[in-house]
Protein backbone atom coordinates (compact mmCIF):
# COMPACT_ATOMS: atom_id res chain seq x y z
CA UNK A 1 0.00 0.00 0.00
CA UNK A 2 2.86 2.39 0.78
CA UNK A 3 4.50 1.73 -2.60
CA UNK A 4 1.19 2.47 -4.34
CA UNK A 5 0.81 5.79 -2.50
CA UNK A 6 4.39 6.79 -3.38
CA UNK A 7 3.72 5.88 -7.00
CA UNK A 8 0.53 7.97 -7.08
CA UNK A 9 2.37 10.96 -5.60
CA UNK A 10 5.17 10.70 -8.17
CA UNK A 11 2.74 10.32 -11.06
CA UNK A 12 0.80 13.37 -9.84
CA UNK A 13 4.06 15.35 -9.70
CA UNK A 14 4.85 14.30 -13.27
CA UNK A 15 1.34 15.27 -14.43
CA UNK A 16 1.69 18.65 -12.72
CA UNK A 17 5.13 19.19 -14.24
CA UNK A 18 3.75 18.41 -17.71
CA UNK A 19 0.72 20.63 -16.98
CA UNK A 20 -1.73 17.85 -17.80
CA UNK A 21 -5.38 18.70 -17.16
CA UNK A 22 -8.57 16.67 -17.28
CA UNK A 23 -7.51 13.07 -17.71
CA UNK A 24 -4.63 11.24 -19.30
CA UNK A 25 -2.89 7.93 -18.95
CA UNK A 26 0.70 7.72 -17.78
CA UNK A 27 2.21 4.28 -18.32
CA UNK A 28 5.06 3.44 -16.00
CA UNK A 29 7.07 0.73 -14.31
CA UNK A 30 7.48 1.01 -10.55
CA UNK A 31 10.19 -0.55 -8.41
CA UNK A 32 8.21 -1.35 -5.27
CA UNK A 33 11.37 -1.61 -3.17
CA UNK A 34 12.89 1.76 -4.08
CA UNK A 35 9.76 3.63 -5.18
CA UNK A 36 11.50 4.54 -8.45
CA UNK A 37 9.04 5.33 -11.25
CA UNK A 38 10.10 4.81 -14.87
CA UNK A 39 7.74 6.59 -17.28
CA UNK A 40 7.12 4.73 -20.51
CA UNK A 41 4.46 6.87 -22.17
CA UNK A 42 2.15 9.80 -21.51
CA UNK A 43 -1.11 9.53 -23.43
CA UNK A 44 -3.32 12.63 -23.28
CA UNK A 45 -6.11 10.98 -25.28
CA UNK A 46 -6.37 7.41 -23.95
CA UNK A 47 -8.96 5.01 -25.32
CA UNK A 48 -12.22 4.73 -23.41
CA UNK A 49 -13.66 1.23 -23.63
CA UNK A 50 -15.13 -0.99 -20.88
CA UNK A 51 -11.73 -2.67 -20.50
CA UNK A 52 -9.86 0.65 -20.19
CA UNK A 53 -7.33 0.71 -17.38
CA UNK A 54 -8.63 4.12 -16.25
CA UNK A 55 -12.03 2.63 -15.44
CA UNK A 56 -10.48 -0.23 -13.48
CA UNK A 57 -8.21 2.15 -11.57
CA UNK A 58 -11.15 4.39 -10.69
CA UNK A 59 -12.94 1.35 -9.27
CA UNK A 60 -9.99 0.61 -6.96
CA UNK A 61 -10.08 4.07 -5.36
CA UNK A 62 -11.46 4.44 -1.85
CA UNK A 63 -14.33 5.04 -2.17
CA UNK A 64 -14.67 3.47 -5.63
CA UNK A 65 -15.51 5.74 -8.53
CA UNK A 66 -17.99 3.93 -10.77
CA UNK A 67 -17.97 4.52 -14.57
CA UNK A 68 -21.02 6.84 -14.55
CA UNK A 69 -19.44 8.96 -11.81
CA UNK A 70 -16.06 8.89 -13.58
CA UNK A 71 -17.52 10.21 -16.85
CA UNK A 72 -19.67 12.78 -15.02
CA UNK A 73 -16.52 14.07 -13.30
CA UNK A 74 -14.74 14.33 -16.67
CA UNK A 75 -17.66 16.28 -18.12
CA UNK A 76 -17.75 18.59 -15.10
CA UNK A 77 -14.01 19.24 -15.35
CA UNK A 78 -14.35 19.98 -19.07
CA UNK A 79 -17.21 22.40 -18.57
CA UNK A 80 -15.30 24.21 -15.78
CA UNK A 81 -12.32 24.69 -18.11
CA UNK A 82 -14.48 26.11 -20.89
CA UNK A 83 -15.95 28.88 -18.71
PDB file of N, CA and C in Angstrom:
ATOM      1  N   UNK A   1       0.822  -1.198   0.000  1.00  0.00           N
ATOM      2  CA  UNK A   1       0.000   0.000   0.000  1.00  0.00           C
ATOM      3  C   UNK A   1       0.864   1.260   0.000  1.00  0.00           C
ATOM      4  N   UNK A   2       1.975   1.218   0.729  1.00  0.00           N
ATOM      5  CA  UNK A   2       2.856   2.386   0.780  1.00  0.00           C
ATOM      6  C   UNK A   2       3.489   2.650  -0.585  1.00  0.00           C
ATOM      7  N   UNK A   3       3.898   1.579  -1.270  1.00  0.00           N
ATOM      8  CA  UNK A   3       4.499   1.735  -2.602  1.00  0.00           C
ATOM      9  C   UNK A   3       3.491   2.340  -3.572  1.00  0.00           C
ATOM     10  N   UNK A   4       2.228   1.930  -3.458  1.00  0.00           N
ATOM     11  CA  UNK A   4       1.185   2.469  -4.338  1.00  0.00           C
ATOM     12  C   UNK A   4       0.987   3.962  -4.082  1.00  0.00           C
ATOM     13  N   UNK A   5       0.975   4.366  -2.824  1.00  0.00           N
ATOM     14  CA  UNK A   5       0.813   5.787  -2.499  1.00  0.00           C
ATOM     15  C   UNK A   5       1.985   6.608  -3.023  1.00  0.00           C
ATOM     16  N   UNK A   6       3.208   6.087  -2.867  1.00  0.00           N
ATOM     17  CA  UNK A   6       4.390   6.791  -3.381  1.00  0.00           C
ATOM     18  C   UNK A   6       4.300   6.932  -4.894  1.00  0.00           C
ATOM     19  N   UNK A   7       3.867   5.861  -5.546  1.00  0.00           N
ATOM     20  CA  UNK A   7       3.724   5.882  -7.004  1.00  0.00           C
ATOM     21  C   UNK A   7       2.704   6.934  -7.418  1.00  0.00           C
ATOM     22  N   UNK A   8       1.561   6.974  -6.756  1.00  0.00           N
ATOM     23  CA  UNK A   8       0.526   7.967  -7.079  1.00  0.00           C
ATOM     24  C   UNK A   8       1.069   9.383  -6.923  1.00  0.00           C
ATOM     25  N   UNK A   9       1.811   9.624  -5.841  1.00  0.00           N
ATOM     26  CA  UNK A   9       2.371  10.958  -5.604  1.00  0.00           C
ATOM     27  C   UNK A   9       3.349  11.344  -6.707  1.00  0.00           C
ATOM     28  N   UNK A  10       4.191  10.410  -7.112  1.00  0.00           N
ATOM     29  CA  UNK A  10       5.169  10.704  -8.166  1.00  0.00           C
ATOM     30  C   UNK A  10       4.483  10.944  -9.503  1.00  0.00           C
ATOM     31  N   UNK A  11       3.481  10.146  -9.806  1.00  0.00           N
ATOM     32  CA  UNK A  11       2.744  10.317 -11.060  1.00  0.00           C
ATOM     33  C   UNK A  11       2.026  11.671 -11.061  1.00  0.00           C
ATOM     34  N   UNK A  12       1.449  12.061  -9.926  1.00  0.00           N
ATOM     35  CA  UNK A  12       0.798  13.374  -9.837  1.00  0.00           C
ATOM     36  C   UNK A  12       1.810  14.493 -10.053  1.00  0.00           C
ATOM     37  N   UNK A  13       3.002  14.349  -9.507  1.00  0.00           N
ATOM     38  CA  UNK A  13       4.056  15.347  -9.701  1.00  0.00           C
ATOM     39  C   UNK A  13       4.427  15.452 -11.177  1.00  0.00           C
ATOM     40  N   UNK A  14       4.528  14.314 -11.840  1.00  0.00           N
ATOM     41  CA  UNK A  14       4.849  14.298 -13.268  1.00  0.00           C
ATOM     42  C   UNK A  14       3.731  14.974 -14.062  1.00  0.00           C
ATOM     43  N   UNK A  15       2.480  14.650 -13.742  1.00  0.00           N
ATOM     44  CA  UNK A  15       1.339  15.267 -14.434  1.00  0.00           C
ATOM     45  C   UNK A  15       1.336  16.780 -14.217  1.00  0.00           C
ATOM     46  N   UNK A  16       1.627  17.214 -12.996  1.00  0.00           N
ATOM     47  CA  UNK A  16       1.690  18.653 -12.721  1.00  0.00           C
ATOM     48  C   UNK A  16       2.825  19.309 -13.497  1.00  0.00           C
ATOM     49  N   UNK A  17       3.974  18.652 -13.530  1.00  0.00           N
ATOM     50  CA  UNK A  17       5.133  19.190 -14.245  1.00  0.00           C
ATOM     51  C   UNK A  17       4.835  19.342 -15.733  1.00  0.00           C
ATOM     52  N   UNK A  18       4.115  18.369 -16.294  1.00  0.00           N
ATOM     53  CA  UNK A  18       3.753  18.413 -17.713  1.00  0.00           C
ATOM     54  C   UNK A  18       2.504  19.256 -17.967  1.00  0.00           C
ATOM     55  N   UNK A  19       1.931  19.805 -16.910  1.00  0.00           N
ATOM     56  CA  UNK A  19       0.722  20.634 -16.980  1.00  0.00           C
ATOM     57  C   UNK A  19      -0.445  19.898 -17.641  1.00  0.00           C
ATOM     58  N   UNK A  20      -0.611  18.631 -17.279  1.00  0.00           N
ATOM     59  CA  UNK A  20      -1.729  17.847 -17.801  1.00  0.00           C
ATOM     60  C   UNK A  20      -2.992  18.232 -17.047  1.00  0.00           C
ATOM     61  N   UNK A  21      -4.090  18.366 -17.762  1.00  0.00           N
ATOM     62  CA  UNK A  21      -5.379  18.695 -17.164  1.00  0.00           C
ATOM     63  C   UNK A  21      -6.418  17.706 -17.648  1.00  0.00           C
ATOM     64  N   UNK A  22      -7.517  17.597 -16.895  1.00  0.00           N
ATOM     65  CA  UNK A  22      -8.568  16.666 -17.282  1.00  0.00           C
ATOM     66  C   UNK A  22      -8.141  15.253 -16.961  1.00  0.00           C
ATOM     67  N   UNK A  23      -7.983  14.423 -17.968  1.00  0.00           N
ATOM     68  CA  UNK A  23      -7.508  13.071 -17.714  1.00  0.00           C
ATOM     69  C   UNK A  23      -6.500  12.682 -18.774  1.00  0.00           C
ATOM     70  N   UNK A  24      -5.637  11.796 -18.393  1.00  0.00           N
ATOM     71  CA  UNK A  24      -4.632  11.244 -19.295  1.00  0.00           C
ATOM     72  C   UNK A  24      -4.199   9.913 -18.705  1.00  0.00           C
ATOM     73  N   UNK A  25      -3.418   9.198 -19.451  1.00  0.00           N
ATOM     74  CA  UNK A  25      -2.887   7.932 -18.947  1.00  0.00           C
ATOM     75  C   UNK A  25      -1.372   8.023 -18.983  1.00  0.00           C
ATOM     76  N   UNK A  26      -0.751   7.744 -17.858  1.00  0.00           N
ATOM     77  CA  UNK A  26       0.703   7.724 -17.779  1.00  0.00           C
ATOM     78  C   UNK A  26       1.106   6.285 -17.500  1.00  0.00           C
ATOM     79  N   UNK A  27       1.752   5.656 -18.485  1.00  0.00           N
ATOM     80  CA  UNK A  27       2.215   4.281 -18.325  1.00  0.00           C
ATOM     81  C   UNK A  27       3.595   4.303 -17.691  1.00  0.00           C
ATOM     82  N   UNK A  28       3.790   3.438 -16.708  1.00  0.00           N
ATOM     83  CA  UNK A  28       5.062   3.443 -15.998  1.00  0.00           C
ATOM     84  C   UNK A  28       5.347   2.077 -15.395  1.00  0.00           C
ATOM     85  N   UNK A  29       6.628   1.852 -15.123  1.00  0.00           N
ATOM     86  CA  UNK A  29       7.067   0.726 -14.310  1.00  0.00           C
ATOM     87  C   UNK A  29       7.442   1.291 -12.953  1.00  0.00           C
ATOM     88  N   UNK A  30       7.156   0.554 -11.894  1.00  0.00           N
ATOM     89  CA  UNK A  30       7.481   1.011 -10.547  1.00  0.00           C
ATOM     90  C   UNK A  30       8.290  -0.068  -9.843  1.00  0.00           C
ATOM     91  N   UNK A  31       9.413   0.341  -9.263  1.00  0.00           N
ATOM     92  CA  UNK A  31      10.190  -0.546  -8.407  1.00  0.00           C
ATOM     93  C   UNK A  31       9.604  -0.415  -7.011  1.00  0.00           C
ATOM     94  N   UNK A  32       8.906  -1.454  -6.545  1.00  0.00           N
ATOM     95  CA  UNK A  32       8.205  -1.350  -5.268  1.00  0.00           C
ATOM     96  C   UNK A  32       9.163  -1.264  -4.084  1.00  0.00           C
ATOM     97  N   UNK A  33      10.397  -1.703  -4.261  1.00  0.00           N
ATOM     98  CA  UNK A  33      11.372  -1.611  -3.169  1.00  0.00           C
ATOM     99  C   UNK A  33      11.918  -0.198  -3.017  1.00  0.00           C
ATOM    100  N   UNK A  34      12.270   0.429  -4.141  1.00  0.00           N
ATOM    101  CA  UNK A  34      12.893   1.757  -4.083  1.00  0.00           C
ATOM    102  C   UNK A  34      11.893   2.897  -4.292  1.00  0.00           C
ATOM    103  N   UNK A  35      10.722   2.582  -4.865  1.00  0.00           N
ATOM    104  CA  UNK A  35       9.756   3.627  -5.179  1.00  0.00           C
ATOM    105  C   UNK A  35      10.060   4.342  -6.485  1.00  0.00           C
ATOM    106  N   UNK A  36      11.125   3.915  -7.179  1.00  0.00           N
ATOM    107  CA  UNK A  36      11.497   4.541  -8.449  1.00  0.00           C
ATOM    108  C   UNK A  36      10.390   4.323  -9.479  1.00  0.00           C
ATOM    109  N   UNK A  37      10.064   5.387 -10.212  1.00  0.00           N
ATOM    110  CA  UNK A  37       9.036   5.334 -11.250  1.00  0.00           C
ATOM    111  C   UNK A  37       9.707   5.592 -12.590  1.00  0.00           C
ATOM    112  N   UNK A  38       9.548   4.663 -13.530  1.00  0.00           N
ATOM    113  CA  UNK A  38      10.101   4.810 -14.872  1.00  0.00           C
ATOM    114  C   UNK A  38       8.938   5.034 -15.835  1.00  0.00           C
ATOM    115  N   UNK A  39       8.832   6.249 -16.357  1.00  0.00           N
ATOM    116  CA  UNK A  39       7.745   6.594 -17.275  1.00  0.00           C
ATOM    117  C   UNK A  39       8.022   5.987 -18.644  1.00  0.00           C
ATOM    118  N   UNK A  40       7.016   5.334 -19.194  1.00  0.00           N
ATOM    119  CA  UNK A  40       7.121   4.730 -20.514  1.00  0.00           C
ATOM    120  C   UNK A  40       6.441   5.614 -21.554  1.00  0.00           C
ATOM    121  N   UNK A  41       5.242   6.101 -21.204  1.00  0.00           N
ATOM    122  CA  UNK A  41       4.457   6.868 -22.173  1.00  0.00           C
ATOM    123  C   UNK A  41       3.447   7.742 -21.439  1.00  0.00           C
ATOM    124  N   UNK A  42       3.219   8.926 -21.989  1.00  0.00           N
ATOM    125  CA  UNK A  42       2.152   9.800 -21.511  1.00  0.00           C
ATOM    126  C   UNK A  42       1.156   9.920 -22.654  1.00  0.00           C
ATOM    127  N   UNK A  43      -0.083   9.519 -22.397  1.00  0.00           N
ATOM    128  CA  UNK A  43      -1.113   9.533 -23.425  1.00  0.00           C
ATOM    129  C   UNK A  43      -2.213  10.489 -22.981  1.00  0.00           C
ATOM    130  N   UNK A  44      -2.325  11.624 -23.664  1.00  0.00           N
ATOM    131  CA  UNK A  44      -3.320  12.629 -23.282  1.00  0.00           C
ATOM    132  C   UNK A  44      -4.704  12.350 -23.852  1.00  0.00           C
ATOM    133  N   UNK A  45      -4.812  11.358 -24.732  1.00  0.00           N
ATOM    134  CA  UNK A  45      -6.115  10.975 -25.282  1.00  0.00           C
ATOM    135  C   UNK A  45      -6.221   9.447 -25.249  1.00  0.00           C
ATOM    136  N   UNK A  46      -6.304   8.877 -24.036  1.00  0.00           N
ATOM    137  CA  UNK A  46      -6.372   7.414 -23.947  1.00  0.00           C
ATOM    138  C   UNK A  46      -7.716   6.882 -24.423  1.00  0.00           C
ATOM    139  N   UNK A  47      -7.718   5.648 -24.887  1.00  0.00           N
ATOM    140  CA  UNK A  47      -8.958   5.010 -25.317  1.00  0.00           C
ATOM    141  C   UNK A  47      -9.919   4.851 -24.152  1.00  0.00           C
ATOM    142  N   UNK A  48     -11.198   4.843 -24.453  1.00  0.00           N
ATOM    143  CA  UNK A  48     -12.218   4.733 -23.411  1.00  0.00           C
ATOM    144  C   UNK A  48     -13.183   3.610 -23.760  1.00  0.00           C
ATOM    145  N   UNK A  49     -12.812   2.392 -23.420  1.00  0.00           N
ATOM    146  CA  UNK A  49     -13.663   1.230 -23.626  1.00  0.00           C
ATOM    147  C   UNK A  49     -13.930   0.596 -22.260  1.00  0.00           C
ATOM    148  N   UNK A  50     -14.866  -0.360 -22.177  1.00  0.00           N
ATOM    149  CA  UNK A  50     -15.133  -0.993 -20.878  1.00  0.00           C
ATOM    150  C   UNK A  50     -13.895  -1.638 -20.243  1.00  0.00           C
ATOM    151  N   UNK A  51     -12.929  -2.029 -21.058  1.00  0.00           N
ATOM    152  CA  UNK A  51     -11.731  -2.666 -20.502  1.00  0.00           C
ATOM    153  C   UNK A  51     -10.607  -1.670 -20.221  1.00  0.00           C
ATOM    154  N   UNK A  52     -10.873  -0.379 -20.386  1.00  0.00           N
ATOM    155  CA  UNK A  52      -9.863   0.651 -20.190  1.00  0.00           C
ATOM    156  C   UNK A  52      -9.313   0.616 -18.770  1.00  0.00           C
ATOM    157  N   UNK A  53      -8.007   0.718 -18.672  1.00  0.00           N
ATOM    158  CA  UNK A  53      -7.330   0.708 -17.379  1.00  0.00           C
ATOM    159  C   UNK A  53      -7.849   1.828 -16.483  1.00  0.00           C
ATOM    160  N   UNK A  54      -8.141   2.993 -17.057  1.00  0.00           N
ATOM    161  CA  UNK A  54      -8.634   4.118 -16.254  1.00  0.00           C
ATOM    162  C   UNK A  54      -9.888   3.751 -15.467  1.00  0.00           C
ATOM    163  N   UNK A  55     -10.791   3.031 -16.104  1.00  0.00           N
ATOM    164  CA  UNK A  55     -12.030   2.630 -15.438  1.00  0.00           C
ATOM    165  C   UNK A  55     -11.717   1.684 -14.288  1.00  0.00           C
ATOM    166  N   UNK A  56     -10.843   0.731 -14.529  1.00  0.00           N
ATOM    167  CA  UNK A  56     -10.479  -0.234 -13.485  1.00  0.00           C
ATOM    168  C   UNK A  56      -9.759   0.450 -12.330  1.00  0.00           C
ATOM    169  N   UNK A  57      -8.900   1.420 -12.632  1.00  0.00           N
ATOM    170  CA  UNK A  57      -8.210   2.151 -11.573  1.00  0.00           C
ATOM    171  C   UNK A  57      -9.191   2.977 -10.753  1.00  0.00           C
ATOM    172  N   UNK A  58     -10.149   3.601 -11.414  1.00  0.00           N
ATOM    173  CA  UNK A  58     -11.148   4.394 -10.690  1.00  0.00           C
ATOM    174  C   UNK A  58     -11.942   3.512  -9.727  1.00  0.00           C
ATOM    175  N   UNK A  59     -12.195   2.277 -10.134  1.00  0.00           N
ATOM    176  CA  UNK A  59     -12.940   1.355  -9.273  1.00  0.00           C
ATOM    177  C   UNK A  59     -12.141   0.922  -8.048  1.00  0.00           C
ATOM    178  N   UNK A  60     -10.812   1.021  -8.103  1.00  0.00           N
ATOM    179  CA  UNK A  60      -9.989   0.611  -6.957  1.00  0.00           C
ATOM    180  C   UNK A  60      -9.776   1.736  -5.957  1.00  0.00           C
ATOM    181  N   UNK A  61     -10.218   2.948  -6.297  1.00  0.00           N
ATOM    182  CA  UNK A  61     -10.080   4.071  -5.363  1.00  0.00           C
ATOM    183  C   UNK A  61     -10.969   3.842  -4.142  1.00  0.00           C
ATOM    184  N   UNK A  62     -10.644   4.517  -3.064  1.00  0.00           N
ATOM    185  CA  UNK A  62     -11.459   4.440  -1.850  1.00  0.00           C
ATOM    186  C   UNK A  62     -12.053   5.800  -1.561  1.00  0.00           C
ATOM    187  N   UNK A  63     -13.327   6.007  -1.703  1.00  0.00           N
ATOM    188  CA  UNK A  63     -14.326   5.044  -2.172  1.00  0.00           C
ATOM    189  C   UNK A  63     -14.223   4.848  -3.681  1.00  0.00           C
ATOM    190  N   UNK A  64     -14.741   3.725  -4.187  1.00  0.00           N
ATOM    191  CA  UNK A  64     -14.668   3.466  -5.627  1.00  0.00           C
ATOM    192  C   UNK A  64     -15.392   4.543  -6.431  1.00  0.00           C
ATOM    193  N   UNK A  65     -14.854   4.820  -7.609  1.00  0.00           N
ATOM    194  CA  UNK A  65     -15.515   5.743  -8.533  1.00  0.00           C
ATOM    195  C   UNK A  65     -16.044   4.890  -9.690  1.00  0.00           C
ATOM    196  N   UNK A  66     -17.364   4.771  -9.759  1.00  0.00           N
ATOM    197  CA  UNK A  66     -17.987   3.935 -10.775  1.00  0.00           C
ATOM    198  C   UNK A  66     -17.992   4.653 -12.122  1.00  0.00           C
ATOM    199  N   UNK A  67     -18.085   3.902 -13.241  1.00  0.00           N
ATOM    200  CA  UNK A  67     -17.972   4.520 -14.569  1.00  0.00           C
ATOM    201  C   UNK A  67     -18.864   5.742 -14.771  1.00  0.00           C
ATOM    202  N   UNK A  68     -20.125   5.687 -14.352  1.00  0.00           N
ATOM    203  CA  UNK A  68     -21.022   6.836 -14.546  1.00  0.00           C
ATOM    204  C   UNK A  68     -20.471   8.062 -13.812  1.00  0.00           C
ATOM    205  N   UNK A  69     -20.008   7.863 -12.593  1.00  0.00           N
ATOM    206  CA  UNK A  69     -19.443   8.963 -11.806  1.00  0.00           C
ATOM    207  C   UNK A  69     -18.138   9.466 -12.432  1.00  0.00           C
ATOM    208  N   UNK A  70     -17.330   8.540 -12.932  1.00  0.00           N
ATOM    209  CA  UNK A  70     -16.063   8.892 -13.581  1.00  0.00           C
ATOM    210  C   UNK A  70     -16.313   9.809 -14.779  1.00  0.00           C
ATOM    211  N   UNK A  71     -17.246   9.409 -15.652  1.00  0.00           N
ATOM    212  CA  UNK A  71     -17.524  10.210 -16.846  1.00  0.00           C
ATOM    213  C   UNK A  71     -18.199  11.533 -16.489  1.00  0.00           C
ATOM    214  N   UNK A  72     -19.046  11.530 -15.464  1.00  0.00           N
ATOM    215  CA  UNK A  72     -19.670  12.780 -15.016  1.00  0.00           C
ATOM    216  C   UNK A  72     -18.592  13.746 -14.527  1.00  0.00           C
ATOM    217  N   UNK A  73     -17.619  13.233 -13.787  1.00  0.00           N
ATOM    218  CA  UNK A  73     -16.516  14.066 -13.297  1.00  0.00           C
ATOM    219  C   UNK A  73     -15.727  14.645 -14.461  1.00  0.00           C
ATOM    220  N   UNK A  74     -15.458  13.830 -15.485  1.00  0.00           N
ATOM    221  CA  UNK A  74     -14.743  14.326 -16.667  1.00  0.00           C
ATOM    222  C   UNK A  74     -15.523  15.440 -17.353  1.00  0.00           C
ATOM    223  N   UNK A  75     -16.825  15.248 -17.498  1.00  0.00           N
ATOM    224  CA  UNK A  75     -17.658  16.282 -18.125  1.00  0.00           C
ATOM    225  C   UNK A  75     -17.665  17.560 -17.289  1.00  0.00           C
ATOM    226  N   UNK A  76     -17.765  17.412 -15.978  1.00  0.00           N
ATOM    227  CA  UNK A  76     -17.752  18.589 -15.099  1.00  0.00           C
ATOM    228  C   UNK A  76     -16.428  19.340 -15.205  1.00  0.00           C
ATOM    229  N   UNK A  77     -15.318  18.604 -15.211  1.00  0.00           N
ATOM    230  CA  UNK A  77     -14.006  19.241 -15.353  1.00  0.00           C
ATOM    231  C   UNK A  77     -13.894  19.978 -16.683  1.00  0.00           C
ATOM    232  N   UNK A  78     -14.400  19.349 -17.742  1.00  0.00           N
ATOM    233  CA  UNK A  78     -14.347  19.978 -19.068  1.00  0.00           C
ATOM    234  C   UNK A  78     -15.172  21.252 -19.113  1.00  0.00           C
ATOM    235  N   UNK A  79     -16.356  21.208 -18.527  1.00  0.00           N
ATOM    236  CA  UNK A  79     -17.209  22.400 -18.568  1.00  0.00           C
ATOM    237  C   UNK A  79     -16.620  23.521 -17.715  1.00  0.00           C
ATOM    238  N   UNK A  80     -15.955  23.191 -16.604  1.00  0.00           N
ATOM    239  CA  UNK A  80     -15.295  24.214 -15.784  1.00  0.00           C
ATOM    240  C   UNK A  80     -14.177  24.899 -16.563  1.00  0.00           C
ATOM    241  N   UNK A  81     -13.428  24.131 -17.327  1.00  0.00           N
ATOM    242  CA  UNK A  81     -12.321  24.687 -18.109  1.00  0.00           C
ATOM    243  C   UNK A  81     -12.811  25.605 -19.210  1.00  0.00           C
ATOM    244  N   UNK A  82     -13.999  25.330 -19.750  1.00  0.00           N
ATOM    245  CA  UNK A  82     -14.484  26.113 -20.890  1.00  0.00           C
ATOM    246  C   UNK A  82     -15.118  27.435 -20.467  1.00  0.00           C
ATOM    247  N   UNK A  83     -15.320  27.630 -19.180  1.00  0.00           N
ATOM    248  CA  UNK A  83     -15.951  28.877 -18.706  1.00  0.00           C
ATOM    249  C   UNK A  83     -14.983  30.015 -18.644  1.00  0.00           C
TER     250      UNK A  83
END
